N, C-alpha and C. Protein backbone atom coordinates (compact mmCIF):
# COMPACT_ATOMS: atom_id res chain seq x y z
N MET A 1 1.40 -25.71 -6.56
CA MET A 1 2.55 -24.36 -5.87
C MET A 1 1.36 -23.65 -5.15
N ALA A 2 0.84 -23.17 -5.91
CA ALA A 2 -0.18 -21.79 -4.86
C ALA A 2 -0.42 -22.63 -3.78
N LEU A 3 -1.27 -23.67 -3.95
CA LEU A 3 -2.16 -23.90 -2.62
C LEU A 3 -1.38 -24.84 -1.59
N GLU A 4 -0.25 -25.32 -1.93
CA GLU A 4 0.62 -25.59 -0.46
C GLU A 4 1.62 -24.06 -0.04
N MET A 5 1.84 -23.02 -1.01
CA MET A 5 1.42 -21.66 -0.01
C MET A 5 1.03 -21.32 0.88
N ASP A 6 -0.70 -21.78 0.45
CA ASP A 6 -1.39 -20.76 1.05
C ASP A 6 -1.81 -21.29 2.07
N ASP A 7 -1.48 -22.62 2.36
CA ASP A 7 -1.74 -23.55 3.47
C ASP A 7 -0.62 -22.89 4.34
N GLN A 8 0.56 -22.46 4.07
CA GLN A 8 1.77 -21.89 5.47
C GLN A 8 1.48 -20.70 5.69
N VAL A 9 0.36 -20.11 5.08
CA VAL A 9 0.56 -18.40 5.63
C VAL A 9 -1.13 -18.41 5.45
N GLN A 10 -0.91 -17.23 6.65
CA GLN A 10 -2.00 -16.54 7.06
C GLN A 10 -2.31 -15.29 6.18
N ASP A 11 -3.35 -15.01 6.03
CA ASP A 11 -4.04 -13.61 5.67
C ASP A 11 -4.44 -12.28 6.80
N TYR A 12 -3.71 -11.11 6.98
CA TYR A 12 -3.83 -10.35 8.14
C TYR A 12 -4.36 -8.75 7.33
N ASN A 13 -5.14 -8.28 8.17
CA ASN A 13 -5.63 -6.80 7.74
C ASN A 13 -5.55 -5.78 7.96
N ILE A 14 -3.45 -5.36 7.64
CA ILE A 14 -3.37 -3.57 8.80
C ILE A 14 -4.09 -2.27 8.62
N GLY A 15 -4.78 -2.75 7.51
CA GLY A 15 -5.32 -1.48 7.44
C GLY A 15 -6.42 -1.30 7.86
N SER A 16 -7.94 -0.48 7.19
CA SER A 16 -9.16 -0.54 8.02
C SER A 16 -10.49 -1.46 6.91
N GLU A 17 -11.71 -1.23 7.38
CA GLU A 17 -12.65 -2.17 6.95
C GLU A 17 -12.28 -1.40 5.39
N GLU A 18 -12.51 -0.05 5.42
CA GLU A 18 -12.77 0.63 4.32
C GLU A 18 -11.87 1.11 3.05
N LYS A 19 -10.30 0.24 3.67
CA LYS A 19 -9.00 0.61 3.04
C LYS A 19 -8.81 -0.75 3.38
N PRO A 20 -8.47 -1.92 2.79
CA PRO A 20 -7.74 -2.74 3.44
C PRO A 20 -5.97 -3.11 2.84
N HIS A 21 -5.40 -2.77 4.23
CA HIS A 21 -4.42 -3.31 3.37
C HIS A 21 -3.79 -4.87 3.87
N MET A 22 -3.37 -5.91 2.53
CA MET A 22 -3.52 -6.88 2.96
C MET A 22 -2.27 -7.63 3.76
N ILE A 23 -1.68 -8.18 4.04
CA ILE A 23 -0.36 -8.67 4.19
C ILE A 23 0.14 -10.44 4.21
N LYS A 24 0.92 -11.36 4.76
CA LYS A 24 0.65 -12.67 4.57
C LYS A 24 2.10 -12.75 6.17
N LEU A 25 1.39 -13.52 7.28
CA LEU A 25 2.71 -13.84 7.14
C LEU A 25 2.81 -15.54 7.34
N SER A 26 3.30 -16.29 7.81
CA SER A 26 3.50 -17.55 8.08
C SER A 26 2.94 -18.23 9.15
N LYS A 27 2.16 -19.58 9.41
CA LYS A 27 1.53 -19.79 10.22
C LYS A 27 2.67 -20.79 11.37
N GLY A 28 3.97 -20.39 11.08
CA GLY A 28 4.97 -21.62 11.55
C GLY A 28 5.42 -19.66 13.28
N ILE A 29 5.14 -19.08 12.30
CA ILE A 29 6.01 -17.86 12.91
C ILE A 29 4.49 -17.51 15.04
N PRO A 30 5.43 -18.02 15.37
CA PRO A 30 5.41 -17.99 17.59
C PRO A 30 4.68 -16.62 17.72
N LEU A 31 3.25 -17.33 18.39
CA LEU A 31 2.14 -15.89 18.34
C LEU A 31 2.31 -14.32 18.64
N HIS A 32 3.54 -14.72 20.13
CA HIS A 32 3.93 -13.59 20.18
C HIS A 32 5.26 -12.74 19.34
N TYR A 33 5.73 -13.46 18.53
CA TYR A 33 6.52 -12.86 17.46
C TYR A 33 5.16 -11.94 16.38
N LYS A 34 4.64 -13.06 16.23
CA LYS A 34 2.62 -12.65 15.22
C LYS A 34 2.60 -10.82 15.37
N TYR A 35 2.55 -11.04 16.56
CA TYR A 35 1.65 -10.14 17.13
C TYR A 35 2.63 -8.71 17.02
N ARG A 36 3.92 -8.95 17.22
CA ARG A 36 4.81 -7.29 17.56
C ARG A 36 4.96 -7.20 15.75
N TYR A 37 4.90 -8.52 14.73
CA TYR A 37 5.35 -8.21 13.59
C TYR A 37 3.97 -7.18 12.93
N LEU A 38 2.76 -7.75 13.46
CA LEU A 38 1.68 -7.30 12.97
C LEU A 38 1.82 -5.57 13.34
N ASP A 39 2.15 -5.50 14.80
CA ASP A 39 2.20 -3.82 15.45
C ASP A 39 3.52 -3.10 14.32
N LEU A 40 4.47 -3.85 13.88
CA LEU A 40 5.53 -2.66 13.23
C LEU A 40 4.69 -2.48 12.64
N LEU A 41 4.51 -3.11 11.47
CA LEU A 41 3.64 -3.40 9.95
C LEU A 41 2.74 -2.30 10.13
N LYS A 42 2.01 -2.67 11.07
CA LYS A 42 0.82 -1.59 11.39
C LYS A 42 1.74 0.21 10.86
N THR A 43 2.72 0.21 11.91
CA THR A 43 3.38 1.60 12.44
C THR A 43 3.76 1.99 11.06
N TYR A 44 3.93 1.34 10.82
CA TYR A 44 4.77 1.35 8.70
C TYR A 44 3.97 1.18 7.70
N LYS A 45 3.21 1.12 7.69
CA LYS A 45 2.21 0.76 6.55
C LYS A 45 2.24 1.96 5.73
N ASP A 46 2.98 2.85 5.45
CA ASP A 46 2.55 4.20 5.18
C ASP A 46 3.49 4.04 3.88
N VAL A 47 4.80 3.34 4.53
CA VAL A 47 5.81 3.39 3.59
C VAL A 47 5.34 2.24 2.49
N PHE A 48 4.60 1.70 2.62
CA PHE A 48 4.73 0.74 0.94
C PHE A 48 3.64 1.24 0.31
N SER A 49 3.94 0.36 -0.87
CA SER A 49 2.74 0.61 -1.91
C SER A 49 1.94 -0.08 -2.05
N TRP A 50 1.10 0.14 -1.82
CA TRP A 50 -0.39 -0.78 -1.46
C TRP A 50 -1.05 -0.77 -2.79
N SER A 51 -0.68 0.08 -4.23
CA SER A 51 -1.10 0.38 -5.47
C SER A 51 0.05 0.61 -6.28
N TYR A 52 -1.01 0.50 -7.27
CA TYR A 52 -0.28 2.00 -8.40
C TYR A 52 -0.01 2.77 -8.22
N ASP A 53 -0.44 3.46 -7.84
CA ASP A 53 -1.41 4.40 -7.56
C ASP A 53 -0.18 5.24 -6.07
N ASP A 54 -0.02 4.47 -5.58
CA ASP A 54 0.91 4.75 -4.21
C ASP A 54 2.75 5.45 -4.34
N LEU A 55 2.46 4.70 -5.97
CA LEU A 55 3.81 5.23 -6.17
C LEU A 55 4.56 6.46 -6.44
N LYS A 56 5.52 7.26 -6.17
CA LYS A 56 6.26 8.33 -6.34
C LYS A 56 6.70 8.55 -8.15
N MET A 57 6.23 9.49 -8.20
CA MET A 57 6.27 10.05 -9.47
C MET A 57 7.65 10.93 -9.48
N PHE A 58 8.69 10.91 -10.23
CA PHE A 58 9.66 11.32 -9.67
C PHE A 58 9.80 12.74 -11.38
N ASP A 59 10.64 13.83 -11.72
CA ASP A 59 10.47 14.62 -11.94
C ASP A 59 11.57 14.33 -12.64
N THR A 60 11.23 13.92 -13.58
CA THR A 60 12.73 13.75 -15.26
C THR A 60 13.82 14.85 -15.35
N ASN A 61 13.52 16.02 -15.16
CA ASN A 61 14.51 17.12 -15.31
C ASN A 61 15.19 16.80 -13.60
N ILE A 62 14.77 15.95 -12.98
CA ILE A 62 15.35 15.99 -11.26
C ILE A 62 16.05 14.33 -11.56
N ILE A 63 15.79 13.53 -11.52
CA ILE A 63 15.89 11.79 -11.29
C ILE A 63 16.18 11.82 -12.96
N GLN A 64 17.22 10.71 -13.54
CA GLN A 64 16.50 10.29 -14.71
C GLN A 64 17.58 9.40 -13.86
N HIS A 65 17.65 8.08 -15.29
CA HIS A 65 18.62 6.90 -14.76
C HIS A 65 18.89 6.10 -16.61
N LYS A 66 20.04 6.27 -16.97
CA LYS A 66 20.32 5.36 -17.81
C LYS A 66 21.08 4.19 -17.47
N VAL A 67 21.19 3.70 -18.73
CA VAL A 67 21.71 2.23 -18.89
C VAL A 67 23.02 2.24 -19.36
N PRO A 68 24.52 2.52 -18.93
CA PRO A 68 25.53 1.84 -19.38
C PRO A 68 25.82 1.47 -20.23
N LEU A 69 25.77 1.50 -21.93
CA LEU A 69 26.06 0.27 -23.36
C LEU A 69 27.44 0.50 -23.69
N LYS A 70 27.96 -0.74 -23.56
CA LYS A 70 29.56 -0.90 -24.20
C LYS A 70 29.47 0.11 -25.76
N SER A 71 30.86 -0.02 -25.96
CA SER A 71 30.54 1.17 -27.17
C SER A 71 30.53 0.50 -28.37
N GLY A 72 29.86 1.10 -29.58
CA GLY A 72 29.97 0.53 -30.62
C GLY A 72 28.84 -0.12 -30.90
N MET A 73 27.95 -0.99 -30.08
CA MET A 73 26.90 -1.29 -30.08
C MET A 73 25.65 -0.75 -30.91
N LYS A 74 25.08 -2.09 -31.30
CA LYS A 74 23.73 -1.49 -32.41
C LYS A 74 22.56 -1.72 -31.17
N PRO A 75 21.90 -0.42 -31.53
CA PRO A 75 20.63 -0.78 -31.16
C PRO A 75 19.60 -2.16 -31.38
N TYR A 76 18.69 -2.89 -30.81
CA TYR A 76 18.09 -4.03 -31.23
C TYR A 76 17.07 -4.07 -30.50
N LYS A 77 15.73 -4.30 -31.55
CA LYS A 77 14.36 -4.38 -32.20
C LYS A 77 14.76 -5.49 -32.05
N GLN A 78 13.68 -6.39 -31.01
CA GLN A 78 13.22 -7.29 -31.32
C GLN A 78 11.74 -7.64 -32.16
N LYS A 79 11.66 -8.26 -32.83
CA LYS A 79 10.31 -8.56 -34.08
C LYS A 79 8.79 -8.58 -33.13
N LEU A 80 7.96 -8.45 -33.35
CA LEU A 80 7.38 -8.75 -32.67
C LEU A 80 6.27 -8.91 -32.07
N LYS A 81 6.21 -10.64 -31.59
CA LYS A 81 5.62 -11.90 -30.89
C LYS A 81 3.86 -11.86 -30.83
N GLN A 82 3.72 -13.17 -31.00
CA GLN A 82 1.94 -13.08 -31.19
C GLN A 82 1.36 -12.72 -29.82
N ILE A 83 0.70 -12.20 -29.15
CA ILE A 83 0.37 -12.48 -27.87
C ILE A 83 -1.26 -13.08 -28.14
N ASN A 84 -1.86 -14.36 -27.34
CA ASN A 84 -2.57 -14.89 -27.12
C ASN A 84 -3.95 -14.13 -27.26
N GLN A 85 -4.76 -13.43 -27.68
CA GLN A 85 -6.47 -12.92 -28.05
C GLN A 85 -6.87 -13.04 -27.34
N LEU A 86 -7.14 -13.74 -25.95
CA LEU A 86 -7.73 -13.64 -24.45
C LEU A 86 -6.55 -13.11 -24.12
N LEU A 87 -5.47 -12.37 -23.57
CA LEU A 87 -5.14 -12.25 -22.81
C LEU A 87 -5.10 -10.18 -22.83
N LEU A 88 -5.10 -10.26 -24.32
CA LEU A 88 -5.69 -8.12 -24.21
C LEU A 88 -6.38 -8.19 -23.54
N PRO A 89 -7.77 -8.31 -23.51
CA PRO A 89 -8.00 -7.44 -22.37
C PRO A 89 -7.32 -6.93 -21.17
N SER A 90 -7.03 -7.80 -20.56
CA SER A 90 -5.89 -8.02 -19.84
C SER A 90 -5.21 -7.10 -19.43
N ILE A 91 -4.49 -7.01 -20.77
CA ILE A 91 -3.05 -6.51 -20.71
C ILE A 91 -3.13 -5.04 -21.15
N GLU A 92 -3.81 -4.86 -21.07
CA GLU A 92 -4.90 -3.10 -22.24
C GLU A 92 -5.01 -2.36 -20.87
N ARG A 93 -6.07 -3.39 -19.62
CA ARG A 93 -6.06 -3.19 -18.36
C ARG A 93 -4.81 -2.69 -17.78
N GLU A 94 -3.80 -3.56 -17.81
CA GLU A 94 -3.04 -3.40 -17.02
C GLU A 94 -1.68 -2.39 -17.60
N VAL A 95 -1.96 -1.89 -18.69
CA VAL A 95 -1.05 -1.02 -19.37
C VAL A 95 -1.93 0.58 -19.12
N LYS A 96 -3.31 0.76 -19.24
CA LYS A 96 -3.61 1.84 -18.35
C LYS A 96 -3.56 2.27 -16.83
N LYS A 97 -3.22 1.06 -16.03
CA LYS A 97 -3.21 1.22 -14.98
C LYS A 97 -1.62 2.03 -14.95
N PHE A 98 -0.92 1.04 -15.38
CA PHE A 98 0.88 1.75 -15.64
C PHE A 98 1.05 3.26 -16.25
N LEU A 99 -0.21 3.58 -17.32
CA LEU A 99 0.13 5.23 -18.21
C LEU A 99 -0.68 5.46 -16.61
N HIS A 100 -1.64 5.60 -15.63
CA HIS A 100 -2.22 6.81 -15.09
C HIS A 100 -1.91 7.17 -14.33
N ALA A 101 -0.41 6.05 -13.46
CA ALA A 101 -0.52 5.89 -12.53
C ALA A 101 1.26 6.82 -12.50
N LYS A 102 1.83 7.20 -13.92
CA LYS A 102 2.70 7.50 -14.83
C LYS A 102 3.55 6.87 -14.53
N ILE A 103 3.85 5.36 -14.08
CA ILE A 103 4.60 4.29 -14.37
C ILE A 103 5.38 4.07 -15.66
N ILE A 104 4.94 4.06 -16.45
CA ILE A 104 5.46 4.33 -18.35
C ILE A 104 4.57 5.14 -18.90
N ILE A 105 5.57 5.65 -19.76
CA ILE A 105 4.84 7.35 -20.61
C ILE A 105 4.76 6.18 -22.31
N PRO A 106 3.88 6.70 -23.03
CA PRO A 106 4.10 6.46 -24.22
C PRO A 106 5.25 7.39 -25.24
N LEU A 107 5.90 6.56 -26.33
CA LEU A 107 6.60 6.61 -26.93
C LEU A 107 6.40 6.68 -28.41
N ILE A 108 7.32 7.25 -28.97
CA ILE A 108 6.51 7.39 -30.87
C ILE A 108 7.53 6.57 -31.42
N TYR A 109 8.99 7.39 -31.01
CA TYR A 109 10.81 6.59 -31.76
C TYR A 109 11.46 5.47 -30.97
N SER A 110 11.53 5.32 -30.99
CA SER A 110 12.66 4.28 -29.51
C SER A 110 13.77 3.55 -30.54
N LYS A 111 15.14 3.61 -29.90
CA LYS A 111 16.46 2.79 -30.99
C LYS A 111 15.96 1.09 -30.10
N TRP A 112 15.42 0.93 -29.24
CA TRP A 112 15.42 -0.05 -28.63
C TRP A 112 13.67 -1.21 -28.83
N VAL A 113 13.25 -1.76 -28.80
CA VAL A 113 12.25 -2.29 -28.53
C VAL A 113 12.39 -3.70 -28.34
N ALA A 114 11.29 -3.88 -27.76
CA ALA A 114 11.84 -5.76 -26.68
C ALA A 114 9.58 -5.88 -26.05
N ASN A 115 9.49 -7.00 -26.40
CA ASN A 115 8.51 -7.79 -26.26
C ASN A 115 8.13 -7.66 -24.60
N LEU A 116 7.38 -7.86 -24.95
CA LEU A 116 6.45 -7.64 -23.56
C LEU A 116 6.09 -9.32 -23.68
N VAL A 117 5.78 -9.80 -22.25
CA VAL A 117 5.92 -10.99 -21.85
C VAL A 117 4.91 -10.93 -20.64
N PRO A 118 3.34 -11.22 -21.51
CA PRO A 118 2.08 -11.82 -19.79
C PRO A 118 2.45 -12.74 -19.62
N THR A 119 2.62 -12.79 -17.64
CA THR A 119 2.90 -13.59 -17.04
C THR A 119 1.73 -13.81 -15.67
N TRP A 120 1.53 -14.74 -15.59
CA TRP A 120 0.41 -15.18 -14.55
C TRP A 120 1.39 -14.94 -13.07
N LYS A 121 0.00 -13.95 -12.49
CA LYS A 121 0.19 -13.96 -10.63
C LYS A 121 -0.22 -15.37 -10.30
N ASN A 122 0.10 -15.59 -9.10
CA ASN A 122 -0.04 -16.21 -8.05
C ASN A 122 -2.13 -15.96 -8.03
N ASN A 123 -2.68 -14.55 -8.03
CA ASN A 123 -3.63 -14.80 -8.07
C ASN A 123 -4.56 -14.70 -8.92
N GLU A 124 -3.72 -15.19 -10.07
CA GLU A 124 -4.95 -15.38 -11.20
C GLU A 124 -4.17 -14.15 -11.76
N ASP A 125 -4.05 -12.72 -11.43
CA ASP A 125 -3.85 -11.32 -12.48
C ASP A 125 -2.68 -11.73 -13.30
N ILE A 126 -1.98 -10.65 -14.24
CA ILE A 126 -1.65 -11.03 -15.12
C ILE A 126 -0.46 -9.92 -14.62
N ARG A 127 0.70 -10.18 -15.02
CA ARG A 127 1.65 -9.32 -14.61
C ARG A 127 2.66 -9.33 -15.52
N LEU A 128 2.91 -8.49 -16.30
CA LEU A 128 3.59 -7.49 -17.76
C LEU A 128 5.27 -7.38 -17.56
N CYS A 129 5.36 -8.31 -17.86
CA CYS A 129 7.20 -7.99 -17.92
C CYS A 129 8.00 -7.36 -19.65
N VAL A 130 8.82 -7.61 -19.54
CA VAL A 130 9.51 -7.93 -20.70
C VAL A 130 11.08 -8.28 -20.46
N ASP A 131 11.04 -8.34 -22.47
CA ASP A 131 12.22 -9.29 -22.89
C ASP A 131 13.39 -8.21 -22.84
N PHE A 132 14.14 -8.19 -21.91
CA PHE A 132 15.91 -7.47 -22.41
C PHE A 132 16.52 -8.55 -22.01
N ARG A 133 16.18 -9.32 -22.83
CA ARG A 133 17.87 -10.16 -22.94
C ARG A 133 19.17 -9.26 -22.99
N ASN A 134 18.07 -8.65 -24.88
CA ASN A 134 18.97 -8.04 -25.85
C ASN A 134 19.78 -6.79 -25.40
N LEU A 135 19.06 -6.24 -24.58
CA LEU A 135 19.34 -4.76 -24.08
C LEU A 135 20.93 -5.33 -23.11
N ASN A 136 20.25 -6.54 -22.40
CA ASN A 136 21.53 -7.10 -21.17
C ASN A 136 22.13 -7.25 -21.92
N ARG A 137 22.85 -7.65 -22.54
CA ARG A 137 23.80 -8.04 -23.48
C ARG A 137 25.06 -7.27 -23.95
N GLU A 138 24.26 -6.29 -23.73
CA GLU A 138 24.82 -4.89 -24.57
C GLU A 138 24.87 -4.13 -23.35
N SER A 139 24.61 -4.15 -22.17
CA SER A 139 24.85 -3.19 -21.09
C SER A 139 26.18 -4.02 -20.37
N LEU A 140 26.93 -2.12 -19.87
CA LEU A 140 28.32 -2.37 -18.94
C LEU A 140 27.59 -3.55 -17.83
N LYS A 141 28.81 -4.07 -17.24
CA LYS A 141 28.00 -4.35 -15.49
C LYS A 141 29.05 -3.88 -14.89
N ASP A 142 28.51 -4.32 -13.89
CA ASP A 142 28.75 -3.43 -12.05
C ASP A 142 30.16 -4.09 -11.93
N ASN A 143 30.90 -3.62 -11.77
CA ASN A 143 32.57 -3.87 -10.77
C ASN A 143 32.58 -4.11 -9.42
N TYR A 144 30.88 -3.85 -8.76
CA TYR A 144 30.71 -4.09 -7.40
C TYR A 144 29.52 -5.63 -7.58
N GLN A 145 29.11 -6.47 -7.90
CA GLN A 145 28.44 -7.40 -8.26
C GLN A 145 27.30 -7.14 -6.14
N LEU A 146 26.45 -7.21 -6.11
CA LEU A 146 25.22 -7.70 -5.53
C LEU A 146 25.88 -9.09 -4.50
N PRO A 147 26.02 -8.85 -3.20
CA PRO A 147 26.27 -10.29 -2.34
C PRO A 147 25.08 -11.19 -3.17
N LYS A 148 25.39 -12.57 -2.27
CA LYS A 148 24.80 -13.64 -2.50
C LYS A 148 24.00 -13.74 -1.32
N MET A 149 22.40 -13.89 -1.48
CA MET A 149 21.53 -13.95 -0.49
C MET A 149 21.92 -15.15 0.76
N ASP A 150 22.49 -15.93 0.48
CA ASP A 150 23.18 -16.53 1.28
C ASP A 150 24.14 -15.79 2.43
N ASN A 151 25.26 -14.83 2.20
CA ASN A 151 25.84 -14.17 2.66
C ASN A 151 25.18 -13.67 3.10
N ILE A 152 24.65 -13.22 3.05
CA ILE A 152 23.40 -11.71 3.56
C ILE A 152 23.13 -12.17 5.11
N LEU A 153 22.30 -13.31 4.82
CA LEU A 153 21.98 -14.07 5.81
C LEU A 153 22.76 -14.18 7.15
């Protein structure tokens, strides 16, 4: 699957030699549109996060997100699942990146516990996901669902 995708896209650097910012554009885009896309992306490249450090850290005294939960529910603690020992160095590296960028913070006690689910990215790096199925079951649903992608396009 990854090979098929690589045949259909082309890499472009919209950054500099010292600090590259790589993007992918379809090979099927007409040349005059491709140059317009590249100019647009170069103009606004500062609005994208190119690394975890580019993500903005918000003061939790000002901004907080709370998941609304159904009344009377009990917090769920998943049993710890075994992780392949060969993945541990990659997982540790990724967690350290998250901690350094302040995307996550250490907690000693939590009412909810969910397992990490490591998955592979197309570039063979590791992506850390969290199994939130139990939390999703107990959360209140939005009154207004997001529109389907077909309706947006």
